[in-house]
């Protein structure tokens, strides 16, 4: 099932559901997507810019060339979804789940995400300069060779995350779990950490930290 212009959202009433199918080139920027449930749907070149959505669920969906810029998502779930060439510029996510989702060639500038579970996500080589991530669970996330220069990365659970080759120069890392970070394999010039984190990084370098 392929839809172009008006075939899916149309009714503007929240809570509708779809399983499977393909949506191409639709403008959903004015639709009511609260409570929407999509399972295994492929969205191609769909415009979701400036939407404000509460409680939507996307499972196993593909987003390709989708516009999510300046959108707002609260208590939404994107589980095992794939994002390719998606524009997330100035998007806002609050208490959202992105477990197992992957991102490829996406735009993240000015993205703000607070709370939520983003475990097992894939951001390999993503450019995260200018994002604001706070109180997110990113357990076992693939952050290899990401660039997050100067970004506030506050209170993140990065346990088990892959951070090889990550450029965190100037990033503010206060309160984040850095137990999986090897400071010899990442760039940390000018990064801001607290005392407890400094001890973790020193020990990762083989130093013995004492209180004397």
N, C-alpha and C. Protein backbone atom coordinates (compact mmCIF):
# COMPACT_ATOMS: atom_id res chain seq x y z
N UNK A 1 0.84 -1.19 0.00
CA UNK A 1 0.00 0.00 0.00
C UNK A 1 0.88 1.24 0.00
N UNK A 2 0.75 2.07 -1.03
CA UNK A 2 1.54 3.29 -1.11
C UNK A 2 0.59 4.47 -1.13
N UNK A 3 0.89 5.45 -0.32
CA UNK A 3 0.00 6.60 -0.20
C UNK A 3 0.72 7.87 -0.61
N UNK A 4 0.04 8.71 -1.35
CA UNK A 4 0.55 10.03 -1.71
C UNK A 4 -0.56 11.05 -1.47
N UNK A 5 -0.23 12.06 -0.65
CA UNK A 5 -1.12 13.19 -0.42
C UNK A 5 -2.51 12.80 0.07
N UNK A 6 -2.64 12.71 1.38
CA UNK A 6 -3.96 12.64 1.98
C UNK A 6 -4.53 11.26 2.19
N UNK A 7 -3.81 10.19 1.88
CA UNK A 7 -4.38 8.87 1.96
C UNK A 7 -4.39 8.25 3.35
N UNK A 8 -3.54 8.74 4.26
CA UNK A 8 -3.40 8.09 5.56
C UNK A 8 -3.94 8.93 6.69
N UNK A 9 -3.40 10.12 6.86
CA UNK A 9 -3.74 10.89 8.05
C UNK A 9 -5.12 11.51 7.92
N UNK A 10 -5.32 12.24 6.84
CA UNK A 10 -6.60 12.79 6.40
C UNK A 10 -7.57 13.25 7.46
N UNK A 11 -8.11 12.31 8.26
CA UNK A 11 -9.21 12.62 9.16
C UNK A 11 -8.84 13.58 10.27
N UNK A 12 -7.55 13.75 10.54
CA UNK A 12 -7.08 14.67 11.56
C UNK A 12 -7.61 14.31 12.96
N UNK A 13 -7.87 13.07 13.19
CA UNK A 13 -8.27 12.64 14.53
C UNK A 13 -7.18 11.75 15.10
N UNK A 14 -6.78 12.00 16.33
CA UNK A 14 -5.67 11.27 16.93
C UNK A 14 -6.02 9.82 17.20
N UNK A 15 -4.98 9.00 17.35
CA UNK A 15 -5.19 7.64 17.80
C UNK A 15 -5.35 6.60 16.72
N UNK A 16 -5.26 6.98 15.45
CA UNK A 16 -5.42 5.98 14.39
C UNK A 16 -4.20 5.08 14.31
N UNK A 17 -4.37 3.91 13.70
CA UNK A 17 -3.30 2.91 13.66
C UNK A 17 -3.19 2.31 12.27
N UNK A 18 -1.93 1.94 11.91
CA UNK A 18 -1.69 1.27 10.63
C UNK A 18 -0.58 0.26 10.82
N UNK A 19 -0.64 -0.82 10.06
CA UNK A 19 0.41 -1.83 10.09
C UNK A 19 0.85 -2.09 8.66
N UNK A 20 2.15 -1.95 8.41
CA UNK A 20 2.69 -2.18 7.08
C UNK A 20 2.37 -1.06 6.12
N UNK A 21 2.93 -1.16 4.93
CA UNK A 21 2.63 -0.17 3.91
C UNK A 21 3.72 0.88 3.76
N UNK A 22 3.51 1.75 2.79
CA UNK A 22 4.50 2.77 2.44
C UNK A 22 3.80 4.09 2.24
N UNK A 23 4.35 5.14 2.81
CA UNK A 23 3.79 6.49 2.68
C UNK A 23 4.85 7.36 2.01
N UNK A 24 4.49 7.99 0.91
CA UNK A 24 5.47 8.75 0.14
C UNK A 24 4.97 10.18 -0.08
N UNK A 25 5.82 11.15 0.31
CA UNK A 25 5.60 12.54 -0.07
C UNK A 25 4.41 13.23 0.57
N UNK A 26 3.88 12.72 1.67
CA UNK A 26 2.73 13.37 2.29
C UNK A 26 3.15 14.50 3.22
N UNK A 27 2.27 15.45 3.40
CA UNK A 27 2.47 16.55 4.34
C UNK A 27 1.59 16.30 5.56
N UNK A 28 2.24 15.87 6.65
CA UNK A 28 1.51 15.61 7.89
C UNK A 28 1.75 16.72 8.92
N UNK A 29 2.30 17.81 8.49
CA UNK A 29 2.68 18.86 9.45
C UNK A 29 1.47 19.44 10.17
N UNK A 30 0.29 19.32 9.61
CA UNK A 30 -0.89 19.87 10.27
C UNK A 30 -1.80 18.82 10.87
N UNK A 31 -1.35 17.58 10.88
CA UNK A 31 -2.20 16.50 11.36
C UNK A 31 -2.13 16.32 12.88
N UNK A 32 -3.19 15.76 13.44
CA UNK A 32 -3.21 15.36 14.85
C UNK A 32 -2.67 13.94 14.93
N UNK A 33 -1.45 13.80 15.43
CA UNK A 33 -0.81 12.48 15.49
C UNK A 33 -0.73 11.94 16.91
N UNK A 34 -1.41 12.56 17.85
CA UNK A 34 -1.40 12.07 19.23
C UNK A 34 -1.95 10.65 19.28
N UNK A 35 -1.20 9.77 19.91
CA UNK A 35 -1.66 8.40 20.10
C UNK A 35 -1.61 7.52 18.87
N UNK A 36 -1.05 8.00 17.77
CA UNK A 36 -0.95 7.21 16.54
C UNK A 36 -0.07 5.98 16.78
N UNK A 37 -0.43 4.86 16.17
CA UNK A 37 0.34 3.62 16.28
C UNK A 37 0.66 3.12 14.87
N UNK A 38 1.94 3.13 14.52
CA UNK A 38 2.39 2.63 13.22
C UNK A 38 3.36 1.48 13.45
N UNK A 39 3.14 0.39 12.73
CA UNK A 39 3.96 -0.81 12.89
C UNK A 39 4.45 -1.25 11.51
N UNK A 40 5.78 -1.22 11.32
CA UNK A 40 6.35 -1.68 10.07
C UNK A 40 6.03 -0.82 8.87
N UNK A 41 5.78 0.45 9.08
CA UNK A 41 5.45 1.38 8.00
C UNK A 41 6.72 2.07 7.51
N UNK A 42 6.83 2.26 6.21
CA UNK A 42 7.94 3.01 5.62
C UNK A 42 7.45 4.39 5.23
N UNK A 43 8.08 5.43 5.80
CA UNK A 43 7.74 6.81 5.49
C UNK A 43 8.87 7.42 4.67
N UNK A 44 8.56 7.88 3.47
CA UNK A 44 9.56 8.42 2.56
C UNK A 44 9.19 9.86 2.20
N UNK A 45 10.12 10.79 2.46
CA UNK A 45 9.92 12.21 2.13
C UNK A 45 8.62 12.76 2.71
N UNK A 46 8.26 12.32 3.90
CA UNK A 46 7.07 12.82 4.58
C UNK A 46 7.44 14.05 5.40
N UNK A 47 6.59 15.08 5.37
CA UNK A 47 6.84 16.31 6.09
C UNK A 47 6.14 16.27 7.45
N UNK A 48 6.95 16.16 8.51
CA UNK A 48 6.44 16.19 9.89
C UNK A 48 7.03 17.38 10.64
N UNK A 49 7.45 18.37 9.91
CA UNK A 49 8.06 19.54 10.55
C UNK A 49 7.03 20.29 11.38
N UNK A 50 7.49 20.74 12.56
CA UNK A 50 6.71 21.59 13.47
C UNK A 50 5.49 20.89 14.06
N UNK A 51 5.40 19.56 13.96
CA UNK A 51 4.29 18.88 14.62
C UNK A 51 4.55 18.83 16.12
N UNK A 52 3.49 18.71 16.89
CA UNK A 52 3.59 18.52 18.33
C UNK A 52 2.79 17.27 18.67
N UNK A 53 3.50 16.21 19.08
CA UNK A 53 2.87 14.89 19.19
C UNK A 53 3.05 14.33 20.60
N UNK A 54 1.99 13.75 21.11
CA UNK A 54 2.01 13.15 22.45
C UNK A 54 1.55 11.70 22.34
N UNK A 55 2.38 10.78 22.85
CA UNK A 55 1.95 9.40 23.00
C UNK A 55 1.89 8.56 21.73
N UNK A 56 2.59 8.95 20.68
CA UNK A 56 2.60 8.14 19.45
C UNK A 56 3.58 6.97 19.59
N UNK A 57 3.31 5.88 18.84
CA UNK A 57 4.15 4.69 18.89
C UNK A 57 4.50 4.25 17.48
N UNK A 58 5.81 4.10 17.23
CA UNK A 58 6.30 3.63 15.94
C UNK A 58 7.17 2.40 16.21
N UNK A 59 6.84 1.28 15.63
CA UNK A 59 7.58 0.04 15.86
C UNK A 59 8.06 -0.52 14.53
N UNK A 60 9.39 -0.69 14.40
CA UNK A 60 9.94 -1.26 13.19
C UNK A 60 9.67 -0.43 11.94
N UNK A 61 9.55 0.86 12.10
CA UNK A 61 9.26 1.75 10.96
C UNK A 61 10.55 2.28 10.35
N UNK A 62 10.48 2.65 9.08
CA UNK A 62 11.60 3.27 8.38
C UNK A 62 11.24 4.70 8.04
N UNK A 63 12.13 5.63 8.41
CA UNK A 63 11.97 7.04 8.08
C UNK A 63 13.09 7.40 7.10
N UNK A 64 12.73 7.75 5.88
CA UNK A 64 13.75 8.05 4.87
C UNK A 64 13.45 9.43 4.25
N UNK A 65 14.39 10.37 4.43
CA UNK A 65 14.18 11.70 3.89
C UNK A 65 13.04 12.46 4.56
N UNK A 66 12.70 12.08 5.77
CA UNK A 66 11.58 12.69 6.50
C UNK A 66 12.01 13.99 7.17
N UNK A 67 11.12 14.97 7.17
CA UNK A 67 11.38 16.25 7.82
C UNK A 67 10.77 16.24 9.22
N UNK A 68 11.64 16.25 10.24
CA UNK A 68 11.19 16.33 11.64
C UNK A 68 11.68 17.62 12.28
N UNK A 69 12.14 18.56 11.50
CA UNK A 69 12.72 19.77 12.05
C UNK A 69 11.66 20.58 12.82
N UNK A 70 12.09 21.12 13.96
CA UNK A 70 11.25 21.95 14.83
C UNK A 70 10.02 21.20 15.33
N UNK A 71 10.06 19.87 15.33
CA UNK A 71 8.93 19.10 15.84
C UNK A 71 9.11 18.83 17.34
N UNK A 72 8.02 18.46 17.99
CA UNK A 72 8.04 18.21 19.43
C UNK A 72 7.35 16.88 19.71
N UNK A 73 8.04 16.02 20.47
CA UNK A 73 7.53 14.67 20.75
C UNK A 73 7.59 14.42 22.25
N UNK A 74 6.48 14.05 22.85
CA UNK A 74 6.41 13.79 24.29
C UNK A 74 5.84 12.40 24.54
N UNK A 75 6.54 11.61 25.36
CA UNK A 75 6.09 10.26 25.71
C UNK A 75 5.79 9.41 24.47
N UNK A 76 6.64 9.54 23.45
CA UNK A 76 6.50 8.75 22.23
C UNK A 76 7.53 7.63 22.20
N UNK A 77 7.26 6.61 21.39
CA UNK A 77 8.18 5.48 21.28
C UNK A 77 8.52 5.22 19.82
N UNK A 78 9.83 5.14 19.54
CA UNK A 78 10.34 4.76 18.21
C UNK A 78 11.20 3.52 18.45
N UNK A 79 10.60 2.36 18.40
CA UNK A 79 11.30 1.13 18.75
C UNK A 79 11.78 0.39 17.50
N UNK A 80 13.09 0.10 17.46
CA UNK A 80 13.68 -0.62 16.33
C UNK A 80 13.34 0.04 15.00
N UNK A 81 13.39 1.36 14.98
CA UNK A 81 13.14 2.11 13.74
C UNK A 81 14.45 2.46 13.06
N UNK A 82 14.38 2.76 11.78
CA UNK A 82 15.57 3.17 11.03
C UNK A 82 15.34 4.56 10.44
N UNK A 83 16.29 5.46 10.74
CA UNK A 83 16.21 6.84 10.26
C UNK A 83 17.36 7.07 9.27
N UNK A 84 17.03 7.44 8.05
CA UNK A 84 18.03 7.70 7.02
C UNK A 84 17.76 9.05 6.38
N UNK A 85 18.77 9.93 6.40
CA UNK A 85 18.66 11.28 5.84
C UNK A 85 17.46 12.03 6.41
N UNK A 86 17.25 11.89 7.71
CA UNK A 86 16.14 12.55 8.38
C UNK A 86 16.63 13.86 9.00
N UNK A 87 15.83 14.91 8.87
CA UNK A 87 16.17 16.22 9.41
C UNK A 87 15.53 16.38 10.78
N UNK A 88 16.38 16.35 11.84
CA UNK A 88 15.91 16.53 13.21
C UNK A 88 16.34 17.87 13.78
N UNK A 89 16.64 18.83 12.90
CA UNK A 89 17.09 20.15 13.33
C UNK A 89 16.05 20.79 14.25
N UNK A 90 16.51 21.20 15.44
CA UNK A 90 15.68 21.91 16.41
C UNK A 90 14.48 21.09 16.90
N UNK A 91 14.57 19.75 16.80
CA UNK A 91 13.50 18.90 17.32
C UNK A 91 13.62 18.78 18.84
N UNK A 92 12.51 18.47 19.49
CA UNK A 92 12.46 18.38 20.95
C UNK A 92 11.80 17.06 21.34
N UNK A 93 12.52 16.23 22.11
CA UNK A 93 11.99 14.95 22.54
C UNK A 93 12.04 14.86 24.06
N UNK A 94 10.89 14.57 24.66
CA UNK A 94 10.78 14.49 26.11
C UNK A 94 10.21 13.12 26.50
N UNK A 95 10.95 12.39 27.31
CA UNK A 95 10.53 11.07 27.80
C UNK A 95 10.19 10.12 26.65
N UNK A 96 10.98 10.14 25.61
CA UNK A 96 10.74 9.27 24.46
C UNK A 96 11.64 8.04 24.50
N UNK A 97 11.14 6.95 23.93
CA UNK A 97 11.91 5.71 23.82
C UNK A 97 12.35 5.53 22.38
N UNK A 98 13.65 5.26 22.19
CA UNK A 98 14.18 4.99 20.87
C UNK A 98 14.96 3.68 20.87
N UNK A 99 14.57 2.75 21.69
CA UNK A 99 15.32 1.53 21.90
C UNK A 99 15.54 0.79 20.58
N UNK A 100 16.82 0.49 20.28
CA UNK A 100 17.16 -0.30 19.11
C UNK A 100 17.06 0.41 17.78
N UNK A 101 16.85 1.72 17.78
CA UNK A 101 16.74 2.45 16.53
C UNK A 101 18.12 2.86 16.02
N UNK A 102 18.24 3.08 14.69
CA UNK A 102 19.52 3.46 14.10
C UNK A 102 19.34 4.72 13.26
N UNK A 103 20.43 5.50 13.18
CA UNK A 103 20.43 6.77 12.47
C UNK A 103 21.59 6.80 11.48
N UNK A 104 21.29 7.17 10.25
CA UNK A 104 22.32 7.21 9.21
C UNK A 104 22.15 8.50 8.39
N UNK A 105 23.21 9.31 8.37
CA UNK A 105 23.23 10.53 7.57
C UNK A 105 22.07 11.47 7.94
N UNK A 106 21.84 11.63 9.24
CA UNK A 106 20.77 12.49 9.72
C UNK A 106 21.32 13.83 10.22
N UNK A 107 20.46 14.82 10.28
CA UNK A 107 20.83 16.16 10.75
C UNK A 107 20.28 16.34 12.16
N UNK A 108 21.16 16.66 13.14
CA UNK A 108 20.77 16.72 14.54
C UNK A 108 20.93 18.10 15.18
N UNK A 109 21.45 19.08 14.45
CA UNK A 109 21.78 20.37 15.06
C UNK A 109 20.60 20.93 15.86
N UNK A 110 20.90 21.37 17.09
CA UNK A 110 19.93 21.98 18.01
C UNK A 110 18.87 21.00 18.53
N UNK A 111 19.07 19.70 18.26
CA UNK A 111 18.17 18.70 18.85
C UNK A 111 18.26 18.77 20.37
N UNK A 112 17.12 18.68 21.04
CA UNK A 112 17.07 18.65 22.50
C UNK A 112 16.28 17.41 22.92
N UNK A 113 16.90 16.58 23.76
CA UNK A 113 16.24 15.38 24.25
C UNK A 113 16.47 15.26 25.75
N UNK A 114 15.40 15.10 26.49
CA UNK A 114 15.46 15.02 27.95
C UNK A 114 14.72 13.77 28.42
N UNK A 115 15.37 13.00 29.27
CA UNK A 115 14.84 11.75 29.80
C UNK A 115 14.56 10.78 28.64
N UNK A 116 14.11 9.59 28.96
CA UNK A 116 13.83 8.60 27.92
C UNK A 116 14.89 7.52 27.83
N UNK A 117 14.53 6.42 27.17
CA UNK A 117 15.40 5.26 27.03
C UNK A 117 15.83 5.13 25.57
N UNK A 118 17.13 5.34 25.33
CA UNK A 118 17.69 5.24 23.99
C UNK A 118 18.72 4.11 23.94
N UNK A 119 18.52 3.09 24.73
CA UNK A 119 19.46 1.97 24.77
C UNK A 119 19.52 1.25 23.42
N UNK A 120 20.71 0.72 23.10
CA UNK A 120 20.95 -0.08 21.89
C UNK A 120 20.72 0.70 20.60
N UNK A 121 20.74 2.02 20.67
CA UNK A 121 20.60 2.82 19.46
C UNK A 121 21.93 2.88 18.70
N UNK A 122 21.86 3.21 17.41
CA UNK A 122 23.05 3.30 16.59
C UNK A 122 23.22 4.70 16.03
N UNK A 123 24.28 5.40 16.49
CA UNK A 123 24.58 6.75 16.03
C UNK A 123 25.98 6.82 15.42
N UNK A 124 26.47 5.72 14.90
CA UNK A 124 27.86 5.67 14.43
C UNK A 124 28.15 6.80 13.42
N UNK A 125 29.21 7.54 13.71
CA UNK A 125 29.70 8.66 12.88
C UNK A 125 28.73 9.83 12.79
N UNK A 126 27.74 9.88 13.66
CA UNK A 126 26.79 10.98 13.63
C UNK A 126 27.45 12.28 14.09
N UNK A 127 27.01 13.40 13.52
CA UNK A 127 27.48 14.72 13.94
C UNK A 127 26.46 15.28 14.93
N UNK A 128 26.84 15.30 16.20
CA UNK A 128 25.94 15.74 17.27
C UNK A 128 26.35 17.08 17.85
N UNK A 129 27.16 17.83 17.13
CA UNK A 129 27.54 19.16 17.60
C UNK A 129 26.27 19.99 17.85
N UNK A 130 26.20 20.62 19.00
CA UNK A 130 25.08 21.52 19.27
C UNK A 130 23.83 20.86 19.81
N UNK A 131 23.84 19.52 19.99
CA UNK A 131 22.67 18.89 20.59
C UNK A 131 22.68 19.10 22.10
N UNK A 132 21.53 18.90 22.74
CA UNK A 132 21.44 18.94 24.20
C UNK A 132 20.77 17.64 24.62
N UNK A 133 21.56 16.74 25.22
CA UNK A 133 21.05 15.46 25.69
C UNK A 133 21.16 15.42 27.20
N UNK A 134 20.07 15.09 27.86
CA UNK A 134 20.07 15.13 29.33
C UNK A 134 19.23 14.00 29.90
N UNK A 135 19.80 13.30 30.88
CA UNK A 135 19.09 12.25 31.62
C UNK A 135 18.52 11.18 30.71
N UNK A 136 19.31 10.78 29.69
CA UNK A 136 18.90 9.71 28.79
C UNK A 136 19.62 8.41 29.15
N UNK A 137 18.95 7.30 28.93
CA UNK A 137 19.59 6.00 29.05
C UNK A 137 20.10 5.61 27.66
N UNK A 138 21.42 5.50 27.51
CA UNK A 138 22.06 5.14 26.25
C UNK A 138 22.91 3.89 26.44
N UNK A 139 22.41 2.96 27.20
CA UNK A 139 23.15 1.74 27.48
C UNK A 139 23.42 0.96 26.20
N UNK A 140 24.67 0.57 26.01
CA UNK A 140 25.12 -0.23 24.88
C UNK A 140 24.79 0.42 23.53
N UNK A 141 24.69 1.74 23.53
CA UNK A 141 24.48 2.45 22.27
C UNK A 141 25.78 2.45 21.45
N UNK A 142 25.65 2.48 20.13
CA UNK A 142 26.81 2.54 19.26
C UNK A 142 27.08 4.01 18.94
N UNK A 143 28.07 4.57 19.60
CA UNK A 143 28.45 5.97 19.42
C UNK A 143 29.86 6.07 18.85
N UNK A 144 30.27 5.03 18.13
CA UNK A 144 31.61 5.02 17.57
C UNK A 144 31.79 6.17 16.58
N UNK A 145 32.89 6.92 16.79
CA UNK A 145 33.28 8.01 15.91
C UNK A 145 32.22 9.12 15.80
N UNK A 146 31.35 9.24 16.82
CA UNK A 146 30.43 10.38 16.80
C UNK A 146 31.21 11.66 17.07
N UNK A 147 30.66 12.78 16.63
CA UNK A 147 31.25 14.07 16.92
C UNK A 147 30.22 14.89 17.68
N UNK A 148 30.57 15.24 18.92
CA UNK A 148 29.66 16.00 19.76
C UNK A 148 30.43 17.14 20.42
N UNK A 149 31.11 17.90 19.60
CA UNK A 149 31.97 18.97 20.10
C UNK A 149 31.14 20.06 20.77
N UNK A 150 31.47 20.34 22.03
CA UNK A 150 30.81 21.41 22.76
C UNK A 150 29.39 21.11 23.20
N UNK A 151 28.93 19.88 23.02
CA UNK A 151 27.53 19.56 23.32
C UNK A 151 27.33 19.28 24.81
N UNK A 152 26.22 19.76 25.39
CA UNK A 152 25.85 19.35 26.75
C UNK A 152 25.33 17.91 26.73
N UNK A 153 26.06 17.01 27.37
CA UNK A 153 25.68 15.60 27.46
C UNK A 153 25.60 15.27 28.94
N UNK A 154 24.48 15.60 29.54
CA UNK A 154 24.36 15.66 31.00
C UNK A 154 23.60 14.47 31.57
N UNK A 155 24.19 13.82 32.56
CA UNK A 155 23.49 12.76 33.27
C UNK A 155 23.08 11.59 32.39
N UNK A 156 23.92 11.25 31.41
CA UNK A 156 23.61 10.15 30.50
C UNK A 156 24.11 8.82 31.05
N UNK A 157 23.30 7.79 30.90
CA UNK A 157 23.73 6.43 31.26
C UNK A 157 24.37 5.82 30.02
N UNK A 158 25.70 5.87 29.95
CA UNK A 158 26.45 5.36 28.80
C UNK A 158 27.11 4.02 29.10
N UNK A 159 26.61 3.32 30.10
CA UNK A 159 27.23 2.05 30.46
C UNK A 159 27.15 1.07 29.29
N UNK A 160 28.30 0.49 28.95
CA UNK A 160 28.36 -0.47 27.86
C UNK A 160 28.33 0.14 26.47
N UNK A 161 28.29 1.47 26.39
CA UNK A 161 28.24 2.12 25.07
C UNK A 161 29.58 2.01 24.35
N UNK A 162 29.54 2.01 23.03
CA UNK A 162 30.75 2.01 22.21
C UNK A 162 31.09 3.46 21.88
N UNK A 163 32.26 3.92 22.35
CA UNK A 163 32.64 5.32 22.20
C UNK A 163 34.00 5.46 21.52
N UNK A 164 34.48 4.39 20.89
CA UNK A 164 35.78 4.43 20.22
C UNK A 164 35.79 5.51 19.14
N UNK A 165 36.82 6.35 19.19
CA UNK A 165 36.97 7.39 18.18
C UNK A 165 36.03 8.56 18.32
N UNK A 166 35.27 8.63 19.40
CA UNK A 166 34.33 9.73 19.59
C UNK A 166 35.07 11.05 19.82
N UNK A 167 34.58 12.11 19.24
CA UNK A 167 35.14 13.44 19.45
C UNK A 167 34.22 14.20 20.40
N UNK A 168 34.63 14.27 21.67
CA UNK A 168 33.84 14.94 22.71
C UNK A 168 34.54 16.22 23.16
N UNK A 169 35.31 16.81 22.27
CA UNK A 169 36.04 18.03 22.60
C UNK A 169 35.08 19.12 23.07
N UNK A 170 35.34 19.66 24.25
CA UNK A 170 34.54 20.75 24.76
C UNK A 170 33.16 20.35 25.23
N UNK A 171 32.81 19.06 25.15
CA UNK A 171 31.49 18.62 25.60
C UNK A 171 31.37 18.72 27.12
N UNK A 172 30.19 18.99 27.60
CA UNK A 172 29.93 19.05 29.04
C UNK A 172 29.34 17.71 29.44
N UNK A 173 30.12 16.93 30.17
CA UNK A 173 29.77 15.54 30.45
C UNK A 173 29.34 15.30 31.90
N UNK A 174 29.11 16.34 32.63
CA UNK A 174 28.82 16.21 34.07
C UNK A 174 27.66 15.24 34.34
N UNK A 175 27.89 14.34 35.27
CA UNK A 175 26.85 13.42 35.69
C UNK A 175 26.66 12.20 34.80
N UNK A 176 27.39 12.12 33.71
CA UNK A 176 27.25 10.98 32.80
C UNK A 176 28.13 9.81 33.22
N UNK A 177 27.67 8.60 32.96
CA UNK A 177 28.43 7.40 33.27
C UNK A 177 29.49 7.23 32.18
N UNK A 178 30.77 7.39 32.55
CA UNK A 178 31.86 7.30 31.58
C UNK A 178 32.67 6.01 31.74
N UNK A 179 32.07 5.02 32.38
CA UNK A 179 32.80 3.78 32.66
C UNK A 179 33.17 3.03 31.39
N UNK A 180 32.45 3.25 30.29
CA UNK A 180 32.76 2.56 29.03
C UNK A 180 33.68 3.38 28.13
N UNK A 181 34.07 4.57 28.57
CA UNK A 181 34.88 5.45 27.74
C UNK A 181 36.37 5.21 27.97
N UNK A 182 37.09 4.88 26.93
CA UNK A 182 38.53 4.75 26.99
C UNK A 182 39.13 6.09 26.54
N UNK A 183 39.68 6.87 27.46
CA UNK A 183 40.19 8.20 27.09
C UNK A 183 41.33 8.16 26.07
N UNK A 184 41.91 6.98 25.87
CA UNK A 184 42.97 6.87 24.87
C UNK A 184 42.41 6.72 23.45
N UNK A 185 41.13 6.44 23.33
CA UNK A 185 40.55 6.23 22.01
C UNK A 185 39.53 7.29 21.63
N UNK A 186 39.42 8.34 22.44
CA UNK A 186 38.47 9.41 22.18
C UNK A 186 39.15 10.76 22.34
N UNK A 187 38.59 11.79 21.75
CA UNK A 187 39.10 13.14 21.91
C UNK A 187 38.32 13.84 23.01
N UNK A 188 39.03 14.30 24.02
CA UNK A 188 38.39 14.91 25.19
C UNK A 188 38.95 16.30 25.48
N UNK A 189 39.63 16.92 24.54
CA UNK A 189 40.21 18.24 24.78
C UNK A 189 39.14 19.24 25.23
N UNK A 190 39.32 19.79 26.41
CA UNK A 190 38.42 20.81 26.89
C UNK A 190 37.08 20.31 27.39
N UNK A 191 36.90 18.99 27.43
CA UNK A 191 35.64 18.45 27.95
C UNK A 191 35.50 18.76 29.44
N UNK A 192 34.28 18.98 29.87
CA UNK A 192 34.01 19.35 31.27
C UNK A 192 33.46 18.14 32.01
N UNK A 193 34.17 17.72 33.07
CA UNK A 193 33.74 16.58 33.88
C UNK A 193 33.76 16.97 35.36
N UNK A 194 33.09 16.17 36.18
CA UNK A 194 33.14 16.42 37.62
C UNK A 194 34.28 15.58 38.22
N UNK A 195 34.47 15.71 39.52
CA UNK A 195 35.59 15.04 40.18
C UNK A 195 35.48 13.52 40.07
N UNK A 196 34.30 12.99 40.29
CA UNK A 196 34.12 11.54 40.22
C UNK A 196 34.44 11.01 38.83
N UNK A 197 34.04 11.74 37.81
CA UNK A 197 34.34 11.32 36.44
C UNK A 197 35.83 11.40 36.15
N UNK A 198 36.48 12.42 36.69
CA UNK A 198 37.93 12.56 36.50
C UNK A 198 38.67 11.36 37.07
N UNK A 199 38.19 10.86 38.21
CA UNK A 199 38.81 9.67 38.81
C UNK A 199 38.62 8.45 37.90
N UNK A 200 37.40 8.29 37.34
CA UNK A 200 37.12 7.16 36.44
C UNK A 200 38.04 7.21 35.23
N UNK A 201 38.22 8.38 34.66
CA UNK A 201 39.07 8.52 33.47
C UNK A 201 40.54 8.28 33.82
N UNK A 202 40.97 8.76 34.98
CA UNK A 202 42.35 8.55 35.40
C UNK A 202 42.63 7.07 35.60
N UNK A 203 41.69 6.38 36.22
CA UNK A 203 41.87 4.95 36.44
C UNK A 203 41.87 4.18 35.13
N UNK A 204 41.09 4.67 34.14
CA UNK A 204 41.07 4.02 32.84
C UNK A 204 42.42 4.15 32.14
N UNK A 205 43.18 5.17 32.54
CA UNK A 205 44.54 5.37 32.00
C UNK A 205 45.59 4.58 32.78
N UNK A 206 45.14 3.86 33.78
CA UNK A 206 46.07 3.05 34.57
C UNK A 206 46.63 3.75 35.79
N UNK A 207 46.14 4.95 36.07
CA UNK A 207 46.62 5.68 37.25
C UNK A 207 45.97 5.14 38.51
N UNK A 208 46.67 5.28 39.62
CA UNK A 208 46.14 4.91 40.93
C UNK A 208 45.80 6.19 41.66
N UNK A 209 44.52 6.41 41.91
CA UNK A 209 44.06 7.64 42.55
C UNK A 209 43.91 7.40 44.04
N UNK A 210 44.55 8.24 44.84
CA UNK A 210 44.44 8.13 46.29
C UNK A 210 43.93 9.43 46.86
N UNK A 211 43.57 9.37 48.13
CA UNK A 211 43.06 10.57 48.79
C UNK A 211 44.13 11.35 49.50
N UNK A 212 45.39 10.92 49.39
CA UNK A 212 46.48 11.58 50.11
C UNK A 212 46.87 12.88 49.42
